[in-house]
């Protein structure tokens, strides 16, 4: 799977988010929308993701990422959370289907469609990236890296 993603990335079919931009290069309405939605955010770093803007920031001692379109509309938002904040159904799915894996990263993903949970799992031989619904079922969403 990683080979396919790498091939798509190299051919330009998968959007990459490695285009750092300075705050003054981000439209004022986008910067203001982020501050309106997350008024106490700090340590904001901006990237260009296609035509949209991605902001990485700290809020309430947690790492957050927000994706905003050029007019400042919030498209989606994720935040790092501790494993203990995963719904019981998500934890049960992970325990049942991924024995031998350790949780590497856990995030709560908020989109118009609802709340989802992204997890990165590692074992001695492989890594997995999953997007799960609160009921523990797989979500039909790509992993937002």
N, C-alpha and C. Protein backbone atom coordinates (compact mmCIF):
# COMPACT_ATOMS: atom_id res chain seq x y z
N UNK A 1 0.83 -1.19 0.00
CA UNK A 1 0.00 0.00 0.00
C UNK A 1 0.86 1.25 0.00
N UNK A 2 1.93 1.24 0.81
CA UNK A 2 2.82 2.39 0.84
C UNK A 2 3.47 2.62 -0.51
N UNK A 3 3.81 1.51 -1.21
CA UNK A 3 4.41 1.62 -2.54
C UNK A 3 3.47 2.32 -3.51
N UNK A 4 2.17 1.99 -3.43
CA UNK A 4 1.18 2.62 -4.29
C UNK A 4 1.06 4.10 -3.98
N UNK A 5 0.99 4.43 -2.70
CA UNK A 5 0.91 5.85 -2.31
C UNK A 5 2.14 6.61 -2.76
N UNK A 6 3.31 6.01 -2.62
CA UNK A 6 4.54 6.66 -3.06
C UNK A 6 4.53 6.86 -4.57
N UNK A 7 4.08 5.86 -5.30
CA UNK A 7 4.01 5.98 -6.76
C UNK A 7 3.04 7.08 -7.16
N UNK A 8 1.88 7.15 -6.49
CA UNK A 8 0.91 8.20 -6.80
C UNK A 8 1.45 9.57 -6.45
N UNK A 9 2.15 9.67 -5.34
CA UNK A 9 2.75 10.93 -4.93
C UNK A 9 3.79 11.39 -5.94
N UNK A 10 4.63 10.46 -6.39
CA UNK A 10 5.68 10.80 -7.34
C UNK A 10 5.12 11.19 -8.70
N UNK A 11 3.98 10.64 -9.07
CA UNK A 11 3.40 10.98 -10.36
C UNK A 11 2.48 12.19 -10.27
N UNK A 12 2.29 12.71 -9.06
CA UNK A 12 1.48 13.90 -8.89
C UNK A 12 0.00 13.64 -8.77
N UNK A 13 -0.41 12.39 -8.65
CA UNK A 13 -1.82 12.07 -8.54
C UNK A 13 -2.34 12.17 -7.11
N UNK A 14 -1.46 12.18 -6.16
CA UNK A 14 -1.83 12.30 -4.76
C UNK A 14 -1.30 13.63 -4.27
N UNK A 15 -2.15 14.50 -3.70
CA UNK A 15 -1.66 15.82 -3.30
C UNK A 15 -0.65 15.71 -2.16
N UNK A 16 0.39 16.47 -2.27
CA UNK A 16 1.40 16.53 -1.22
C UNK A 16 1.24 17.83 -0.47
N UNK A 17 1.69 17.84 0.76
CA UNK A 17 1.55 19.05 1.57
C UNK A 17 2.92 19.41 2.11
N UNK A 18 3.86 19.70 1.23
CA UNK A 18 5.19 20.06 1.65
C UNK A 18 5.54 21.47 1.22
N UNK A 19 4.55 22.28 0.90
CA UNK A 19 4.79 23.62 0.44
C UNK A 19 4.59 24.61 1.59
N UNK A 20 5.64 24.76 2.41
CA UNK A 20 5.56 25.71 3.51
C UNK A 20 5.33 27.11 2.96
N UNK A 21 4.48 27.85 3.63
CA UNK A 21 4.25 29.25 3.24
C UNK A 21 4.37 30.12 4.48
N UNK A 22 4.84 31.31 4.27
CA UNK A 22 4.95 32.28 5.36
C UNK A 22 3.56 32.83 5.67
N UNK A 23 3.31 33.21 6.92
CA UNK A 23 1.98 33.72 7.27
C UNK A 23 1.50 34.86 6.37
N UNK A 24 2.41 35.74 5.95
CA UNK A 24 1.98 36.86 5.11
C UNK A 24 1.63 36.43 3.69
N UNK A 25 1.91 35.18 3.34
CA UNK A 25 1.52 34.63 2.03
C UNK A 25 0.14 33.97 2.07
N UNK A 26 -0.41 33.83 3.27
CA UNK A 26 -1.74 33.23 3.45
C UNK A 26 -2.76 34.37 3.42
N UNK A 27 -3.84 34.24 2.62
CA UNK A 27 -4.83 35.31 2.58
C UNK A 27 -5.34 35.68 3.97
N UNK A 28 -5.57 36.97 4.17
CA UNK A 28 -6.02 37.48 5.46
C UNK A 28 -7.28 36.76 5.94
N UNK A 29 -8.23 36.51 5.01
CA UNK A 29 -9.48 35.86 5.42
C UNK A 29 -9.24 34.42 5.91
N UNK A 30 -8.22 33.76 5.39
CA UNK A 30 -7.90 32.41 5.84
C UNK A 30 -7.28 32.47 7.24
N UNK A 31 -6.33 33.36 7.43
CA UNK A 31 -5.71 33.50 8.77
C UNK A 31 -6.74 33.91 9.80
N UNK A 32 -7.63 34.84 9.45
CA UNK A 32 -8.65 35.30 10.39
C UNK A 32 -9.64 34.20 10.71
N UNK A 33 -10.01 33.40 9.71
CA UNK A 33 -10.95 32.29 9.94
C UNK A 33 -10.36 31.29 10.92
N UNK A 34 -9.05 31.02 10.80
CA UNK A 34 -8.42 30.10 11.74
C UNK A 34 -8.47 30.67 13.16
N UNK A 35 -8.13 31.95 13.31
CA UNK A 35 -8.15 32.57 14.63
C UNK A 35 -9.56 32.68 15.20
N UNK A 36 -10.56 32.87 14.33
CA UNK A 36 -11.95 32.90 14.80
C UNK A 36 -12.39 31.53 15.30
N UNK A 37 -11.99 30.48 14.56
CA UNK A 37 -12.39 29.12 14.94
C UNK A 37 -11.60 28.60 16.14
N UNK A 38 -10.34 29.02 16.25
CA UNK A 38 -9.45 28.53 17.31
C UNK A 38 -8.74 29.73 17.93
N UNK A 39 -9.47 30.53 18.73
CA UNK A 39 -8.93 31.82 19.19
C UNK A 39 -7.66 31.75 20.04
N UNK A 40 -7.42 30.69 20.72
CA UNK A 40 -6.23 30.62 21.57
C UNK A 40 -5.11 29.79 20.95
N UNK A 41 -5.15 29.61 19.63
CA UNK A 41 -4.13 28.81 18.98
C UNK A 41 -2.78 29.54 19.00
N UNK A 42 -1.72 28.74 19.02
CA UNK A 42 -0.37 29.31 19.03
C UNK A 42 0.56 28.44 18.20
N UNK A 43 1.74 28.96 17.93
CA UNK A 43 2.75 28.25 17.15
C UNK A 43 2.18 27.78 15.80
N UNK A 44 1.54 28.69 15.09
CA UNK A 44 0.88 28.36 13.83
C UNK A 44 1.91 28.29 12.70
N UNK A 45 1.87 27.18 11.97
CA UNK A 45 2.70 27.00 10.78
C UNK A 45 1.77 26.69 9.62
N UNK A 46 2.03 27.30 8.47
CA UNK A 46 1.17 27.17 7.30
C UNK A 46 1.83 26.37 6.19
N UNK A 47 1.02 25.57 5.50
CA UNK A 47 1.43 24.85 4.30
C UNK A 47 0.36 25.08 3.25
N UNK A 48 0.75 24.95 2.02
CA UNK A 48 -0.21 25.00 0.90
C UNK A 48 -0.49 23.56 0.51
N UNK A 49 -1.75 23.21 0.41
CA UNK A 49 -2.17 21.86 0.06
C UNK A 49 -3.08 21.98 -1.15
N UNK A 50 -2.50 21.90 -2.35
CA UNK A 50 -3.28 22.17 -3.55
C UNK A 50 -3.65 23.64 -3.55
N UNK A 51 -4.94 23.94 -3.64
CA UNK A 51 -5.39 25.33 -3.58
C UNK A 51 -5.75 25.74 -2.15
N UNK A 52 -5.77 24.78 -1.23
CA UNK A 52 -6.17 25.04 0.15
C UNK A 52 -4.96 25.32 1.04
N UNK A 53 -5.26 25.74 2.27
CA UNK A 53 -4.22 26.06 3.24
C UNK A 53 -4.36 25.16 4.45
N UNK A 54 -3.24 24.62 4.89
CA UNK A 54 -3.22 23.73 6.05
C UNK A 54 -2.43 24.42 7.15
N UNK A 55 -3.04 24.51 8.32
CA UNK A 55 -2.40 25.14 9.47
C UNK A 55 -2.15 24.09 10.54
N UNK A 56 -0.92 24.00 10.99
CA UNK A 56 -0.56 23.17 12.15
C UNK A 56 -0.38 24.13 13.31
N UNK A 57 -0.98 23.79 14.46
CA UNK A 57 -0.91 24.72 15.59
C UNK A 57 -1.12 23.98 16.90
N UNK A 58 -0.86 24.69 17.97
CA UNK A 58 -1.06 24.16 19.31
C UNK A 58 -2.28 24.85 19.92
N UNK A 59 -3.07 24.09 20.64
CA UNK A 59 -4.24 24.62 21.34
C UNK A 59 -4.51 23.70 22.53
N UNK A 60 -4.58 24.29 23.69
CA UNK A 60 -4.83 23.52 24.92
C UNK A 60 -3.86 22.35 25.06
N UNK A 61 -2.59 22.62 24.77
CA UNK A 61 -1.50 21.65 24.90
C UNK A 61 -1.64 20.44 23.97
N UNK A 62 -2.37 20.60 22.90
CA UNK A 62 -2.53 19.53 21.93
C UNK A 62 -2.18 20.04 20.54
N UNK A 63 -1.68 19.13 19.72
CA UNK A 63 -1.36 19.45 18.34
C UNK A 63 -2.63 19.35 17.50
N UNK A 64 -2.88 20.38 16.70
CA UNK A 64 -4.05 20.44 15.83
C UNK A 64 -3.59 20.72 14.40
N UNK A 65 -4.42 20.33 13.45
CA UNK A 65 -4.24 20.68 12.05
C UNK A 65 -5.61 21.04 11.49
N UNK A 66 -5.66 22.14 10.75
CA UNK A 66 -6.92 22.56 10.12
C UNK A 66 -6.66 22.78 8.64
N UNK A 67 -7.62 22.39 7.82
CA UNK A 67 -7.56 22.62 6.39
C UNK A 67 -8.65 23.62 6.03
N UNK A 68 -8.24 24.73 5.42
CA UNK A 68 -9.16 25.79 5.05
C UNK A 68 -9.04 26.08 3.56
N UNK A 69 -10.17 26.42 2.93
CA UNK A 69 -10.10 26.78 1.52
C UNK A 69 -9.65 28.23 1.39
N UNK A 70 -9.40 28.72 0.18
CA UNK A 70 -8.87 30.07 0.00
C UNK A 70 -9.79 31.19 0.49
N UNK A 71 -11.08 30.90 0.69
CA UNK A 71 -11.98 31.93 1.22
C UNK A 71 -12.10 31.87 2.73
N UNK A 72 -11.43 30.89 3.36
CA UNK A 72 -11.43 30.79 4.81
C UNK A 72 -12.41 29.79 5.39
N UNK A 73 -13.11 29.04 4.56
CA UNK A 73 -14.03 28.02 5.09
C UNK A 73 -13.23 26.84 5.62
N UNK A 74 -13.57 26.40 6.82
CA UNK A 74 -12.92 25.26 7.44
C UNK A 74 -13.44 23.99 6.79
N UNK A 75 -12.54 23.23 6.16
CA UNK A 75 -12.93 22.00 5.47
C UNK A 75 -12.87 20.79 6.40
N UNK A 76 -11.83 20.74 7.22
CA UNK A 76 -11.71 19.68 8.22
C UNK A 76 -10.66 20.07 9.24
N UNK A 77 -10.69 19.37 10.35
CA UNK A 77 -9.82 19.67 11.47
C UNK A 77 -9.50 18.38 12.20
N UNK A 78 -8.26 18.25 12.65
CA UNK A 78 -7.91 17.08 13.46
C UNK A 78 -7.07 17.54 14.65
N UNK A 79 -7.14 16.73 15.70
CA UNK A 79 -6.33 17.02 16.88
C UNK A 79 -5.82 15.73 17.47
N UNK A 80 -4.60 15.79 17.98
CA UNK A 80 -4.02 14.63 18.66
C UNK A 80 -4.78 14.42 19.96
N UNK A 81 -5.07 13.16 20.25
CA UNK A 81 -5.75 12.83 21.50
C UNK A 81 -5.04 11.63 22.14
N UNK A 82 -5.18 11.50 23.45
CA UNK A 82 -4.63 10.29 24.08
C UNK A 82 -5.51 9.08 23.76
N UNK A 83 -4.90 7.92 23.81
CA UNK A 83 -5.61 6.67 23.53
C UNK A 83 -6.86 6.52 24.41
N UNK A 84 -6.80 7.05 25.61
CA UNK A 84 -7.91 6.92 26.55
C UNK A 84 -9.16 7.66 26.09
N UNK A 85 -9.03 8.55 25.12
CA UNK A 85 -10.20 9.29 24.61
C UNK A 85 -10.85 8.62 23.40
N UNK A 86 -10.31 7.49 22.98
CA UNK A 86 -10.96 6.75 21.89
C UNK A 86 -12.26 6.14 22.40
N UNK A 87 -13.31 6.14 21.59
CA UNK A 87 -14.54 5.45 21.99
C UNK A 87 -14.26 3.97 22.23
N UNK A 88 -15.00 3.37 23.14
CA UNK A 88 -14.81 1.96 23.47
C UNK A 88 -14.90 1.05 22.25
N UNK A 89 -15.80 1.37 21.32
CA UNK A 89 -15.96 0.54 20.12
C UNK A 89 -14.72 0.58 19.24
N UNK A 90 -14.06 1.75 19.17
CA UNK A 90 -12.83 1.87 18.38
C UNK A 90 -11.72 1.05 19.04
N UNK A 91 -11.60 1.18 20.35
CA UNK A 91 -10.60 0.41 21.09
C UNK A 91 -10.83 -1.08 20.91
N UNK A 92 -12.09 -1.51 20.98
CA UNK A 92 -12.41 -2.93 20.81
C UNK A 92 -12.02 -3.42 19.42
N UNK A 93 -12.29 -2.63 18.40
CA UNK A 93 -11.91 -3.01 17.03
C UNK A 93 -10.40 -3.16 16.91
N UNK A 94 -9.66 -2.22 17.47
CA UNK A 94 -8.20 -2.27 17.40
C UNK A 94 -7.67 -3.49 18.15
N UNK A 95 -8.21 -3.74 19.34
CA UNK A 95 -7.75 -4.89 20.13
C UNK A 95 -8.06 -6.21 19.44
N UNK A 96 -9.20 -6.28 18.78
CA UNK A 96 -9.61 -7.52 18.13
C UNK A 96 -8.86 -7.77 16.82
N UNK A 97 -8.66 -6.73 16.03
CA UNK A 97 -8.12 -6.90 14.68
C UNK A 97 -6.64 -6.58 14.53
N UNK A 98 -6.04 -6.00 15.53
CA UNK A 98 -4.64 -5.58 15.40
C UNK A 98 -3.81 -5.99 16.61
N UNK A 99 -3.95 -7.25 17.01
CA UNK A 99 -3.13 -7.79 18.09
C UNK A 99 -1.67 -7.73 17.64
N UNK A 100 -0.80 -7.37 18.56
CA UNK A 100 0.62 -7.28 18.22
C UNK A 100 1.03 -5.92 17.67
N UNK A 101 0.07 -5.02 17.50
CA UNK A 101 0.36 -3.66 17.04
C UNK A 101 0.33 -2.71 18.23
N UNK A 102 1.15 -1.69 18.16
CA UNK A 102 1.14 -0.63 19.18
C UNK A 102 0.61 0.64 18.53
N UNK A 103 -0.17 1.38 19.29
CA UNK A 103 -0.66 2.66 18.78
C UNK A 103 0.50 3.65 18.75
N UNK A 104 0.72 4.25 17.61
CA UNK A 104 1.78 5.23 17.46
C UNK A 104 1.23 6.64 17.52
N UNK A 105 0.07 6.86 16.90
CA UNK A 105 -0.55 8.18 16.86
C UNK A 105 -2.06 8.02 16.85
N UNK A 106 -2.75 8.89 17.59
CA UNK A 106 -4.21 8.85 17.66
C UNK A 106 -4.72 10.28 17.45
N UNK A 107 -5.68 10.42 16.54
CA UNK A 107 -6.23 11.74 16.25
C UNK A 107 -7.75 11.67 16.11
N UNK A 108 -8.39 12.73 16.55
CA UNK A 108 -9.82 12.90 16.32
C UNK A 108 -9.95 13.80 15.10
N UNK A 109 -10.71 13.35 14.11
CA UNK A 109 -10.90 14.06 12.85
C UNK A 109 -12.33 14.56 12.78
N UNK A 110 -12.49 15.86 12.55
CA UNK A 110 -13.82 16.47 12.46
C UNK A 110 -14.04 17.00 11.06
N UNK A 111 -15.11 16.51 10.43
CA UNK A 111 -15.50 16.94 9.09
C UNK A 111 -17.00 17.21 9.10
N UNK A 112 -17.51 17.78 8.01
CA UNK A 112 -18.95 17.99 7.91
C UNK A 112 -19.73 16.70 8.10
N UNK A 113 -19.13 15.59 7.64
CA UNK A 113 -19.79 14.29 7.71
C UNK A 113 -19.85 13.73 9.13
N UNK A 114 -19.08 14.30 10.05
CA UNK A 114 -19.09 13.83 11.43
C UNK A 114 -17.71 13.73 12.03
N UNK A 115 -17.63 12.97 13.10
CA UNK A 115 -16.38 12.76 13.84
C UNK A 115 -15.83 11.38 13.51
N UNK A 116 -14.53 11.33 13.29
CA UNK A 116 -13.84 10.08 12.96
C UNK A 116 -12.56 10.01 13.79
N UNK A 117 -11.95 8.84 13.79
CA UNK A 117 -10.71 8.65 14.54
C UNK A 117 -9.66 8.06 13.61
N UNK A 118 -8.52 8.73 13.56
CA UNK A 118 -7.39 8.25 12.76
C UNK A 118 -6.37 7.64 13.71
N UNK A 119 -5.88 6.47 13.37
CA UNK A 119 -4.86 5.84 14.19
C UNK A 119 -3.73 5.34 13.30
N UNK A 120 -2.54 5.47 13.81
CA UNK A 120 -1.36 4.87 13.17
C UNK A 120 -0.89 3.77 14.10
N UNK A 121 -0.76 2.57 13.55
CA UNK A 121 -0.36 1.39 14.31
C UNK A 121 0.97 0.88 13.78
N UNK A 122 1.78 0.34 14.68
CA UNK A 122 3.06 -0.24 14.27
C UNK A 122 3.23 -1.60 14.91
N UNK A 123 3.77 -2.52 14.13
CA UNK A 123 4.19 -3.81 14.67
C UNK A 123 5.66 -3.96 14.31
N UNK A 124 6.23 -5.09 14.63
CA UNK A 124 7.64 -5.32 14.32
C UNK A 124 7.88 -5.37 12.81
N UNK A 125 6.83 -5.70 12.05
CA UNK A 125 7.01 -5.89 10.61
C UNK A 125 6.21 -4.96 9.72
N UNK A 126 5.25 -4.22 10.28
CA UNK A 126 4.43 -3.37 9.40
C UNK A 126 3.84 -2.19 10.15
N UNK A 127 3.28 -1.29 9.37
CA UNK A 127 2.58 -0.13 9.89
C UNK A 127 1.22 -0.05 9.21
N UNK A 128 0.24 0.45 9.93
CA UNK A 128 -1.11 0.61 9.39
C UNK A 128 -1.61 2.01 9.73
N UNK A 129 -2.36 2.59 8.81
CA UNK A 129 -3.04 3.86 9.04
C UNK A 129 -4.52 3.62 8.79
N UNK A 130 -5.34 3.90 9.79
CA UNK A 130 -6.77 3.63 9.70
C UNK A 130 -7.58 4.87 10.02
N UNK A 131 -8.74 4.97 9.38
CA UNK A 131 -9.74 5.97 9.73
C UNK A 131 -10.99 5.19 10.12
N UNK A 132 -11.44 5.41 11.36
CA UNK A 132 -12.56 4.64 11.90
C UNK A 132 -13.70 5.56 12.33
N UNK A 133 -14.91 5.04 12.19
CA UNK A 133 -16.09 5.72 12.71
C UNK A 133 -16.13 5.52 14.24
N UNK A 134 -16.90 6.33 14.96
CA UNK A 134 -16.99 6.14 16.41
C UNK A 134 -17.48 4.75 16.83
N UNK A 135 -18.20 4.06 15.93
CA UNK A 135 -18.68 2.71 16.26
C UNK A 135 -17.62 1.64 15.98
N UNK A 136 -16.42 2.06 15.57
CA UNK A 136 -15.33 1.12 15.33
C UNK A 136 -15.25 0.59 13.92
N UNK A 137 -16.23 0.91 13.09
CA UNK A 137 -16.23 0.45 11.70
C UNK A 137 -15.32 1.34 10.84
N UNK A 138 -14.73 0.77 9.79
CA UNK A 138 -13.89 1.58 8.90
C UNK A 138 -14.70 2.70 8.25
N UNK A 139 -14.08 3.87 8.14
CA UNK A 139 -14.71 5.00 7.47
C UNK A 139 -14.26 5.01 6.01
N UNK A 140 -15.09 5.46 5.15
CA UNK A 140 -14.75 5.55 3.72
C UNK A 140 -14.08 6.89 3.45
N UNK A 141 -13.02 7.16 4.18
CA UNK A 141 -12.26 8.39 4.05
C UNK A 141 -10.78 8.06 3.93
N UNK A 142 -10.05 8.85 3.17
CA UNK A 142 -8.60 8.65 3.14
C UNK A 142 -7.98 9.12 4.44
N UNK A 143 -6.84 8.53 4.79
CA UNK A 143 -6.09 8.95 5.96
C UNK A 143 -5.50 10.31 5.67
N UNK A 144 -5.71 11.26 6.57
CA UNK A 144 -5.17 12.62 6.40
C UNK A 144 -3.86 12.69 7.15
N UNK A 145 -2.77 12.70 6.41
CA UNK A 145 -1.44 12.67 7.02
C UNK A 145 -0.94 14.05 7.32
